[in-house]
Amino acid sequence: MSKFNHEDLAFTGYSRSATISTETLQQSIRYNKIIDKIEESEVIHFCNQFLQDYKVPKTKSSFQKVEAFLQHAAIENETNKEKLSDWIASNWIKI
């Protein structure tokens, strides 16, 4: 999996209440079906996971594109990871 981190995020202001360094938290984030879009560690994991799962360039630019899509008005209230991934994948080239 790509290993982009908080230094690679395009946006600031995320909550850092959780630390991604613990194995328990990593597993919780990995298997949870919803995402807290304001929690930095969850956004980082989602973006990295998307890059791994889809045939898109594994670059910082792509990582930040996924991050930006999470803020898109069309899906701003969606928190289901599968639905978000599907929407991002289907709009990757369109937007």
PDB file of N, CA and C in Angstrom:
ATOM      1  N   MET A   1       0.851  -1.178   0.000  1.00  0.00           N
ATOM      2  CA  MET A   1       0.000   0.000   0.000  1.00  0.00           C
ATOM      3  C   MET A   1       0.893   1.236   0.000  1.00  0.00           C
ATOM      4  N   SER A   2       0.441   2.270  -0.681  1.00  0.00           N
ATOM      5  CA  SER A   2       1.157   3.546  -0.676  1.00  0.00           C
ATOM      6  C   SER A   2       1.274   4.024   0.759  1.00  0.00           C
ATOM      7  N   LYS A   3       2.318   4.729   1.031  1.00  0.00           N
ATOM      8  CA  LYS A   3       2.559   5.180   2.402  1.00  0.00           C
ATOM      9  C   LYS A   3       2.669   6.698   2.492  1.00  0.00           C
ATOM     10  N   PHE A   4       1.694   7.375   1.918  1.00  0.00           N
ATOM     11  CA  PHE A   4       1.662   8.820   2.074  1.00  0.00           C
ATOM     12  C   PHE A   4       1.221   9.120   3.502  1.00  0.00           C
ATOM     13  N   ASN A   5       1.617  10.278   4.027  1.00  0.00           N
ATOM     14  CA  ASN A   5       1.307  10.604   5.422  1.00  0.00           C
ATOM     15  C   ASN A   5       0.764  12.024   5.543  1.00  0.00           C
ATOM     16  N   HIS A   6       0.668  12.507   6.773  1.00  0.00           N
ATOM     17  CA  HIS A   6       0.061  13.827   7.022  1.00  0.00           C
ATOM     18  C   HIS A   6       0.785  14.959   6.296  1.00  0.00           C
ATOM     19  N   GLU A   7       2.059  14.779   6.021  1.00  0.00           N
ATOM     20  CA  GLU A   7       2.812  15.812   5.313  1.00  0.00           C
ATOM     21  C   GLU A   7       2.400  15.916   3.847  1.00  0.00           C
ATOM     22  N   ASP A   8       1.734  14.887   3.341  1.00  0.00           N
ATOM     23  CA  ASP A   8       1.320  14.853   1.943  1.00  0.00           C
ATOM     24  C   ASP A   8      -0.102  15.368   1.722  1.00  0.00           C
ATOM     25  N   LEU A   9      -0.831  15.635   2.786  1.00  0.00           N
ATOM     26  CA  LEU A   9      -2.198  16.128   2.671  1.00  0.00           C
ATOM     27  C   LEU A   9      -2.218  17.535   2.068  1.00  0.00           C
ATOM     28  N   ALA A  10      -3.222  17.800   1.250  1.00  0.00           N
ATOM     29  CA  ALA A  10      -3.368  19.116   0.632  1.00  0.00           C
ATOM     30  C   ALA A  10      -4.106  20.083   1.554  1.00  0.00           C
ATOM     31  N   PHE A  11      -4.989  19.541   2.377  1.00  0.00           N
ATOM     32  CA  PHE A  11      -5.810  20.363   3.255  1.00  0.00           C
ATOM     33  C   PHE A  11      -5.300  20.298   4.688  1.00  0.00           C
ATOM     34  N   THR A  12      -5.617  21.324   5.452  1.00  0.00           N
ATOM     35  CA  THR A  12      -5.249  21.363   6.863  1.00  0.00           C
ATOM     36  C   THR A  12      -6.527  21.418   7.700  1.00  0.00           C
ATOM     37  N   GLY A  13      -6.380  21.366   8.991  1.00  0.00           N
ATOM     38  CA  GLY A  13      -7.519  21.511   9.874  1.00  0.00           C
ATOM     39  C   GLY A  13      -8.163  20.207  10.286  1.00  0.00           C
ATOM     40  N   TYR A  14      -7.549  19.085   9.915  1.00  0.00           N
ATOM     41  CA  TYR A  14      -8.093  17.801  10.339  1.00  0.00           C
ATOM     42  C   TYR A  14      -7.889  17.617  11.839  1.00  0.00           C
ATOM     43  N   SER A  15      -8.756  16.827  12.426  1.00  0.00           N
ATOM     44  CA  SER A  15      -8.609  16.462  13.829  1.00  0.00           C
ATOM     45  C   SER A  15      -7.488  15.438  13.944  1.00  0.00           C
ATOM     46  N   ARG A  16      -6.687  15.570  14.962  1.00  0.00           N
ATOM     47  CA  ARG A  16      -5.611  14.610  15.187  1.00  0.00           C
ATOM     48  C   ARG A  16      -5.817  13.926  16.535  1.00  0.00           C
ATOM     49  N   SER A  17      -7.091  13.673  16.860  1.00  0.00           N
ATOM     50  CA  SER A  17      -7.391  13.073  18.156  1.00  0.00           C
ATOM     51  C   SER A  17      -6.965  11.617  18.224  1.00  0.00           C
ATOM     52  N   ALA A  18      -6.888  10.968  17.074  1.00  0.00           N
ATOM     53  CA  ALA A  18      -6.439   9.575  17.036  1.00  0.00           C
ATOM     54  C   ALA A  18      -5.045   9.536  16.436  1.00  0.00           C
ATOM     55  N   THR A  19      -4.243   8.646  16.937  1.00  0.00           N
ATOM     56  CA  THR A  19      -2.908   8.480  16.373  1.00  0.00           C
ATOM     57  C   THR A  19      -2.863   7.162  15.621  1.00  0.00           C
ATOM     58  N   ILE A  20      -2.365   7.198  14.416  1.00  0.00           N
ATOM     59  CA  ILE A  20      -2.366   6.015  13.570  1.00  0.00           C
ATOM     60  C   ILE A  20      -1.230   5.054  13.908  1.00  0.00           C
ATOM     61  N   SER A  21      -0.465   5.338  14.921  1.00  0.00           N
ATOM     62  CA  SER A  21       0.698   4.517  15.225  1.00  0.00           C
ATOM     63  C   SER A  21       0.355   3.196  15.900  1.00  0.00           C
ATOM     64  N   THR A  22      -0.804   3.075  16.497  1.00  0.00           N
ATOM     65  CA  THR A  22      -1.121   1.839  17.194  1.00  0.00           C
ATOM     66  C   THR A  22      -1.777   0.835  16.260  1.00  0.00           C
ATOM     67  N   GLU A  23      -1.408  -0.414  16.401  1.00  0.00           N
ATOM     68  CA  GLU A  23      -1.950  -1.486  15.561  1.00  0.00           C
ATOM     69  C   GLU A  23      -3.461  -1.616  15.729  1.00  0.00           C
ATOM     70  N   THR A  24      -3.957  -1.447  16.948  1.00  0.00           N
ATOM     71  CA  THR A  24      -5.397  -1.546  17.192  1.00  0.00           C
ATOM     72  C   THR A  24      -6.149  -0.494  16.403  1.00  0.00           C
ATOM     73  N   LEU A  25      -5.656   0.727  16.408  1.00  0.00           N
ATOM     74  CA  LEU A  25      -6.316   1.797  15.667  1.00  0.00           C
ATOM     75  C   LEU A  25      -6.245   1.533  14.171  1.00  0.00           C
ATOM     76  N   GLN A  26      -5.105   1.079  13.689  1.00  0.00           N
ATOM     77  CA  GLN A  26      -4.967   0.783  12.265  1.00  0.00           C
ATOM     78  C   GLN A  26      -5.981  -0.267  11.829  1.00  0.00           C
ATOM     79  N   GLN A  27      -6.152  -1.300  12.628  1.00  0.00           N
ATOM     80  CA  GLN A  27      -7.126  -2.341  12.288  1.00  0.00           C
ATOM     81  C   GLN A  27      -8.544  -1.789  12.328  1.00  0.00           C
ATOM     82  N   SER A  28      -8.844  -0.961  13.307  1.00  0.00           N
ATOM     83  CA  SER A  28     -10.164  -0.367  13.425  1.00  0.00           C
ATOM     84  C   SER A  28     -10.488   0.474  12.191  1.00  0.00           C
ATOM     85  N   ILE A  29      -9.558   1.290  11.770  1.00  0.00           N
ATOM     86  CA  ILE A  29      -9.748   2.137  10.592  1.00  0.00           C
ATOM     87  C   ILE A  29      -9.890   1.278   9.344  1.00  0.00           C
ATOM     88  N   ARG A  30      -9.075   0.252   9.227  1.00  0.00           N
ATOM     89  CA  ARG A  30      -9.062  -0.609   8.055  1.00  0.00           C
ATOM     90  C   ARG A  30     -10.397  -1.325   7.865  1.00  0.00           C
ATOM     91  N   TYR A  31     -10.986  -1.815   8.944  1.00  0.00           N
ATOM     92  CA  TYR A  31     -12.189  -2.646   8.839  1.00  0.00           C
ATOM     93  C   TYR A  31     -13.492  -1.882   9.043  1.00  0.00           C
ATOM     94  N   ASN A  32     -13.410  -0.642   9.454  1.00  0.00           N
ATOM     95  CA  ASN A  32     -14.608   0.163   9.628  1.00  0.00           C
ATOM     96  C   ASN A  32     -15.172   0.515   8.256  1.00  0.00           C
ATOM     97  N   LYS A  33     -16.476   0.419   8.096  1.00  0.00           N
ATOM     98  CA  LYS A  33     -17.111   0.682   6.796  1.00  0.00           C
ATOM     99  C   LYS A  33     -17.419   2.151   6.572  1.00  0.00           C
ATOM    100  N   ILE A  34     -17.262   2.958   7.609  1.00  0.00           N
ATOM    101  CA  ILE A  34     -17.500   4.396   7.458  1.00  0.00           C
ATOM    102  C   ILE A  34     -16.220   5.164   7.764  1.00  0.00           C
ATOM    103  N   ILE A  35     -16.181   6.373   7.270  1.00  0.00           N
ATOM    104  CA  ILE A  35     -15.006   7.218   7.480  1.00  0.00           C
ATOM    105  C   ILE A  35     -15.432   8.509   8.167  1.00  0.00           C
ATOM    106  N   ASP A  36     -14.601   8.938   9.079  1.00  0.00           N
ATOM    107  CA  ASP A  36     -14.755  10.258   9.691  1.00  0.00           C
ATOM    108  C   ASP A  36     -13.862  11.184   8.874  1.00  0.00           C
ATOM    109  N   LYS A  37     -14.465  11.982   8.014  1.00  0.00           N
ATOM    110  CA  LYS A  37     -13.699  12.811   7.073  1.00  0.00           C
ATOM    111  C   LYS A  37     -12.946  13.955   7.722  1.00  0.00           C
ATOM    112  N   ILE A  38     -13.149  14.170   9.005  1.00  0.00           N
ATOM    113  CA  ILE A  38     -12.378  15.230   9.666  1.00  0.00           C
ATOM    114  C   ILE A  38     -11.233  14.655  10.495  1.00  0.00           C
ATOM    115  N   GLU A  39     -11.152  13.334  10.592  1.00  0.00           N
ATOM    116  CA  GLU A  39     -10.071  12.683  11.344  1.00  0.00           C
ATOM    117  C   GLU A  39      -8.907  12.404  10.394  1.00  0.00           C
ATOM    118  N   GLU A  40      -7.789  13.048  10.655  1.00  0.00           N
ATOM    119  CA  GLU A  40      -6.632  12.970   9.771  1.00  0.00           C
ATOM    120  C   GLU A  40      -6.207  11.540   9.456  1.00  0.00           C
ATOM    121  N   SER A  41      -6.091  10.707  10.469  1.00  0.00           N
ATOM    122  CA  SER A  41      -5.606   9.347  10.247  1.00  0.00           C
ATOM    123  C   SER A  41      -6.557   8.547   9.364  1.00  0.00           C
ATOM    124  N   GLU A  42      -7.842   8.778   9.471  1.00  0.00           N
ATOM    125  CA  GLU A  42      -8.812   8.064   8.640  1.00  0.00           C
ATOM    126  C   GLU A  42      -8.752   8.531   7.190  1.00  0.00           C
ATOM    127  N   VAL A  43      -8.565   9.815   6.984  1.00  0.00           N
ATOM    128  CA  VAL A  43      -8.443  10.358   5.629  1.00  0.00           C
ATOM    129  C   VAL A  43      -7.180   9.815   4.966  1.00  0.00           C
ATOM    130  N   ILE A  44      -6.086   9.805   5.687  1.00  0.00           N
ATOM    131  CA  ILE A  44      -4.823   9.283   5.148  1.00  0.00           C
ATOM    132  C   ILE A  44      -4.987   7.826   4.753  1.00  0.00           C
ATOM    133  N   HIS A  45      -5.553   7.031   5.635  1.00  0.00           N
ATOM    134  CA  HIS A  45      -5.722   5.608   5.328  1.00  0.00           C
ATOM    135  C   HIS A  45      -6.635   5.412   4.118  1.00  0.00           C
ATOM    136  N   PHE A  46      -7.748   6.137   4.066  1.00  0.00           N
ATOM    137  CA  PHE A  46      -8.680   5.999   2.939  1.00  0.00           C
ATOM    138  C   PHE A  46      -7.975   6.335   1.621  1.00  0.00           C
ATOM    139  N   CYS A  47      -7.258   7.436   1.591  1.00  0.00           N
ATOM    140  CA  CYS A  47      -6.579   7.855   0.360  1.00  0.00           C
ATOM    141  C   CYS A  47      -5.537   6.825  -0.075  1.00  0.00           C
ATOM    142  N   ASN A  48      -4.737   6.338   0.866  1.00  0.00           N
ATOM    143  CA  ASN A  48      -3.749   5.313   0.555  1.00  0.00           C
ATOM    144  C   ASN A  48      -4.421   4.035   0.063  1.00  0.00           C
ATOM    145  N   GLN A  49      -5.500   3.642   0.706  1.00  0.00           N
ATOM    146  CA  GLN A  49      -6.215   2.425   0.326  1.00  0.00           C
ATOM    147  C   GLN A  49      -6.807   2.558  -1.076  1.00  0.00           C
ATOM    148  N   PHE A  50      -7.350   3.718  -1.380  1.00  0.00           N
ATOM    149  CA  PHE A  50      -7.900   3.946  -2.724  1.00  0.00           C
ATOM    150  C   PHE A  50      -6.808   3.778  -3.774  1.00  0.00           C
ATOM    151  N   LEU A  51      -5.650   4.358  -3.537  1.00  0.00           N
ATOM    152  CA  LEU A  51      -4.549   4.249  -4.497  1.00  0.00           C
ATOM    153  C   LEU A  51      -4.140   2.797  -4.695  1.00  0.00           C
ATOM    154  N   GLN A  52      -4.217   2.014  -3.645  1.00  0.00           N
ATOM    155  CA  GLN A  52      -3.858   0.606  -3.742  1.00  0.00           C
ATOM    156  C   GLN A  52      -4.899  -0.184  -4.529  1.00  0.00           C
ATOM    157  N   ASP A  53      -6.168   0.118  -4.310  1.00  0.00           N
ATOM    158  CA  ASP A  53      -7.262  -0.677  -4.865  1.00  0.00           C
ATOM    159  C   ASP A  53      -7.604  -0.356  -6.318  1.00  0.00           C
ATOM    160  N   TYR A  54      -7.235   0.819  -6.795  1.00  0.00           N
ATOM    161  CA  TYR A  54      -7.635   1.238  -8.138  1.00  0.00           C
ATOM    162  C   TYR A  54      -6.413   1.496  -9.012  1.00  0.00           C
ATOM    163  N   LYS A  55      -6.624   1.358 -10.316  1.00  0.00           N
ATOM    164  CA  LYS A  55      -5.552   1.586 -11.282  1.00  0.00           C
ATOM    165  C   LYS A  55      -5.427   3.075 -11.552  1.00  0.00           C
ATOM    166  N   VAL A  56      -4.819   3.756 -10.617  1.00  0.00           N
ATOM    167  CA  VAL A  56      -4.528   5.181 -10.741  1.00  0.00           C
ATOM    168  C   VAL A  56      -3.057   5.364 -10.394  1.00  0.00           C
ATOM    169  N   PRO A  57      -2.441   6.439 -10.830  1.00  0.00           N
ATOM    170  CA  PRO A  57      -1.034   6.658 -10.485  1.00  0.00           C
ATOM    171  C   PRO A  57      -0.838   6.698  -8.961  1.00  0.00           C
ATOM    172  N   LYS A  58       0.211   6.100  -8.505  1.00  0.00           N
ATOM    173  CA  LYS A  58       0.523   6.049  -7.064  1.00  0.00           C
ATOM    174  C   LYS A  58       1.427   7.237  -6.713  1.00  0.00           C
ATOM    175  N   THR A  59       0.891   8.440  -6.920  1.00  0.00           N
ATOM    176  CA  THR A  59       1.666   9.661  -6.727  1.00  0.00           C
ATOM    177  C   THR A  59       1.039  10.535  -5.643  1.00  0.00           C
ATOM    178  N   LYS A  60       1.808  11.491  -5.189  1.00  0.00           N
ATOM    179  CA  LYS A  60       1.292  12.452  -4.211  1.00  0.00           C
ATOM    180  C   LYS A  60       0.114  13.222  -4.812  1.00  0.00           C
ATOM    181  N   SER A  61       0.199  13.536  -6.074  1.00  0.00           N
ATOM    182  CA  SER A  61      -0.883  14.251  -6.751  1.00  0.00           C
ATOM    183  C   SER A  61      -2.177  13.433  -6.725  1.00  0.00           C
ATOM    184  N   SER A  62      -2.084  12.145  -6.966  1.00  0.00           N
ATOM    185  CA  SER A  62      -3.274  11.286  -6.918  1.00  0.00           C
ATOM    186  C   SER A  62      -3.805  11.170  -5.493  1.00  0.00           C
ATOM    187  N   PHE A  63      -2.895  11.069  -4.532  1.00  0.00           N
ATOM    188  CA  PHE A  63      -3.279  11.018  -3.118  1.00  0.00           C
ATOM    189  C   PHE A  63      -4.091  12.270  -2.768  1.00  0.00           C
ATOM    190  N   GLN A  64      -3.611  13.419  -3.186  1.00  0.00           N
ATOM    191  CA  GLN A  64      -4.304  14.672  -2.901  1.00  0.00           C
ATOM    192  C   GLN A  64      -5.597  14.807  -3.697  1.00  0.00           C
ATOM    193  N   LYS A  65      -5.673  14.184  -4.866  1.00  0.00           N
ATOM    194  CA  LYS A  65      -6.904  14.206  -5.647  1.00  0.00           C
ATOM    195  C   LYS A  65      -7.995  13.421  -4.927  1.00  0.00           C
ATOM    196  N   VAL A  66      -7.639  12.258  -4.366  1.00  0.00           N
ATOM    197  CA  VAL A  66      -8.598  11.474  -3.586  1.00  0.00           C
ATOM    198  C   VAL A  66      -9.067  12.302  -2.395  1.00  0.00           C
ATOM    199  N   GLU A  67      -8.118  12.940  -1.726  1.00  0.00           N
ATOM    200  CA  GLU A  67      -8.452  13.785  -0.575  1.00  0.00           C
ATOM    201  C   GLU A  67      -9.433  14.889  -0.980  1.00  0.00           C
ATOM    202  N   ALA A  68      -9.183  15.529  -2.104  1.00  0.00           N
ATOM    203  CA  ALA A  68     -10.067  16.604  -2.573  1.00  0.00           C
ATOM    204  C   ALA A  68     -11.450  16.061  -2.914  1.00  0.00           C
ATOM    205  N   PHE A  69     -11.506  14.899  -3.536  1.00  0.00           N
ATOM    206  CA  PHE A  69     -12.793  14.291  -3.854  1.00  0.00           C
ATOM    207  C   PHE A  69     -13.621  14.052  -2.595  1.00  0.00           C
ATOM    208  N   LEU A  70     -12.980  13.691  -1.497  1.00  0.00           N
ATOM    209  CA  LEU A  70     -13.714  13.470  -0.247  1.00  0.00           C
ATOM    210  C   LEU A  70     -14.464  14.721   0.202  1.00  0.00           C
ATOM    211  N   GLN A  71     -14.007  15.890  -0.234  1.00  0.00           N
ATOM    212  CA  GLN A  71     -14.632  17.156   0.136  1.00  0.00           C
ATOM    213  C   GLN A  71     -15.625  17.652  -0.915  1.00  0.00           C
ATOM    214  N   HIS A  72     -15.783  16.908  -2.008  1.00  0.00           N
ATOM    215  CA  HIS A  72     -16.644  17.344  -3.110  1.00  0.00           C
ATOM    216  C   HIS A  72     -18.090  17.489  -2.640  1.00  0.00           C
ATOM    217  N   ALA A  73     -18.757  18.518  -3.111  1.00  0.00           N
ATOM    218  CA  ALA A  73     -20.134  18.811  -2.697  1.00  0.00           C
ATOM    219  C   ALA A  73     -21.106  17.664  -2.970  1.00  0.00           C
ATOM    220  N   ALA A  74     -20.873  16.910  -4.024  1.00  0.00           N
ATOM    221  CA  ALA A  74     -21.787  15.820  -4.378  1.00  0.00           C
ATOM    222  C   ALA A  74     -21.771  14.686  -3.358  1.00  0.00           C
ATOM    223  N   ILE A  75     -20.694  14.567  -2.596  1.00  0.00           N
ATOM    224  CA  ILE A  75     -20.586  13.474  -1.614  1.00  0.00           C
ATOM    225  C   ILE A  75     -20.188  13.982  -0.226  1.00  0.00           C
ATOM    226  N   GLU A  76     -20.420  15.248   0.023  1.00  0.00           N
ATOM    227  CA  GLU A  76     -19.957  15.825   1.284  1.00  0.00           C
ATOM    228  C   GLU A  76     -20.575  15.178   2.517  1.00  0.00           C
ATOM    229  N   ASN A  77     -21.779  14.622   2.402  1.00  0.00           N
ATOM    230  CA  ASN A  77     -22.424  13.996   3.553  1.00  0.00           C
ATOM    231  C   ASN A  77     -22.312  12.476   3.557  1.00  0.00           C
ATOM    232  N   GLU A  78     -21.672  11.919   2.555  1.00  0.00           N
ATOM    233  CA  GLU A  78     -21.510  10.460   2.473  1.00  0.00           C
ATOM    234  C   GLU A  78     -20.328  10.025   3.343  1.00  0.00           C
ATOM    235  N   THR A  79     -20.507   8.962   4.106  1.00  0.00           N
ATOM    236  CA  THR A  79     -19.427   8.460   4.957  1.00  0.00           C
ATOM    237  C   THR A  79     -19.125   6.987   4.711  1.00  0.00           C
ATOM    238  N   ASN A  80     -19.925   6.318   3.880  1.00  0.00           N
ATOM    239  CA  ASN A  80     -19.694   4.912   3.574  1.00  0.00           C
ATOM    240  C   ASN A  80     -18.484   4.799   2.645  1.00  0.00           C
ATOM    241  N   LYS A  81     -17.459   4.081   3.085  1.00  0.00           N
ATOM    242  CA  LYS A  81     -16.218   3.997   2.309  1.00  0.00           C
ATOM    243  C   LYS A  81     -16.421   3.384   0.935  1.00  0.00           C
ATOM    244  N   GLU A  82     -17.252   2.363   0.845  1.00  0.00           N
ATOM    245  CA  GLU A  82     -17.476   1.708  -0.439  1.00  0.00           C
ATOM    246  C   GLU A  82     -18.159   2.652  -1.419  1.00  0.00           C
ATOM    247  N   LYS A  83     -19.167   3.367  -0.954  1.00  0.00           N
ATOM    248  CA  LYS A  83     -19.863   4.317  -1.827  1.00  0.00           C
ATOM    249  C   LYS A  83     -18.933   5.457  -2.240  1.00  0.00           C
ATOM    250  N   LEU A  84     -18.120   5.923  -1.312  1.00  0.00           N
ATOM    251  CA  LEU A  84     -17.164   6.987  -1.634  1.00  0.00           C
ATOM    252  C   LEU A  84     -16.157   6.520  -2.681  1.00  0.00           C
ATOM    253  N   SER A  85     -15.621   5.331  -2.479  1.00  0.00           N
ATOM    254  CA  SER A  85     -14.645   4.788  -3.431  1.00  0.00           C
ATOM    255  C   SER A  85     -15.256   4.638  -4.817  1.00  0.00           C
ATOM    256  N   ASP A  86     -16.487   4.104  -4.862  1.00  0.00           N
ATOM    257  CA  ASP A  86     -17.158   3.932  -6.152  1.00  0.00           C
ATOM    258  C   ASP A  86     -17.363   5.273  -6.849  1.00  0.00           C
ATOM    259  N   TRP A  87     -17.795   6.290  -6.093  1.00  0.00           N
ATOM    260  CA  TRP A  87     -18.040   7.601  -6.679  1.00  0.00           C
ATOM    261  C   TRP A  87     -16.733   8.221  -7.183  1.00  0.00           C
ATOM    262  N   ILE A  88     -15.703   8.129  -6.364  1.00  0.00           N
ATOM    263  CA  ILE A  88     -14.402   8.697  -6.757  1.00  0.00           C
ATOM    264  C   ILE A  88     -13.883   8.000  -8.005  1.00  0.00           C
ATOM    265  N   ALA A  89     -13.961   6.684  -8.040  1.00  0.00           N
ATOM    266  CA  ALA A  89     -13.478   5.932  -9.200  1.00  0.00           C
ATOM    267  C   ALA A  89     -14.251   6.299 -10.461  1.00  0.00           C
ATOM    268  N   SER A  90     -15.566   6.443 -10.338  1.00  0.00           N
ATOM    269  CA  SER A  90     -16.370   6.751 -11.521  1.00  0.00           C
ATOM    270  C   SER A  90     -16.200   8.199 -11.984  1.00  0.00           C
ATOM    271  N   ASN A  91     -15.697   9.051 -11.121  1.00  0.00           N
ATOM    272  CA  ASN A  91     -15.496  10.457 -11.483  1.00  0.00           C
ATOM    273  C   ASN A  91     -14.029  10.840 -11.630  1.00  0.00           C
ATOM    274  N   TRP A  92     -13.138   9.881 -11.556  1.00  0.00           N
ATOM    275  CA  TRP A  92     -11.694  10.144 -11.580  1.00  0.00           C
ATOM    276  C   TRP A  92     -11.274  10.974 -12.791  1.00  0.00           C
ATOM    277  N   ILE A  93     -11.781  10.626 -13.945  1.00  0.00           N
ATOM    278  CA  ILE A  93     -11.388  11.329 -15.181  1.00  0.00           C
ATOM    279  C   ILE A  93     -12.330  12.484 -15.480  1.00  0.00           C
ATOM    280  N   LYS A  94     -13.594  12.375 -15.074  1.00  0.00           N
ATOM    281  CA  LYS A  94     -14.599  13.385 -15.400  1.00  0.00           C
ATOM    282  C   LYS A  94     -14.334  14.728 -14.736  1.00  0.00           C
ATOM    283  N   ILE A  95     -13.859  14.687 -13.498  1.00  0.00           N
ATOM    284  CA  ILE A  95     -13.706  15.941 -12.729  1.00  0.00           C
ATOM    285  C   ILE A  95     -12.235  16.259 -12.566  1.00  0.00           C
TER     286      ILE A  95
END
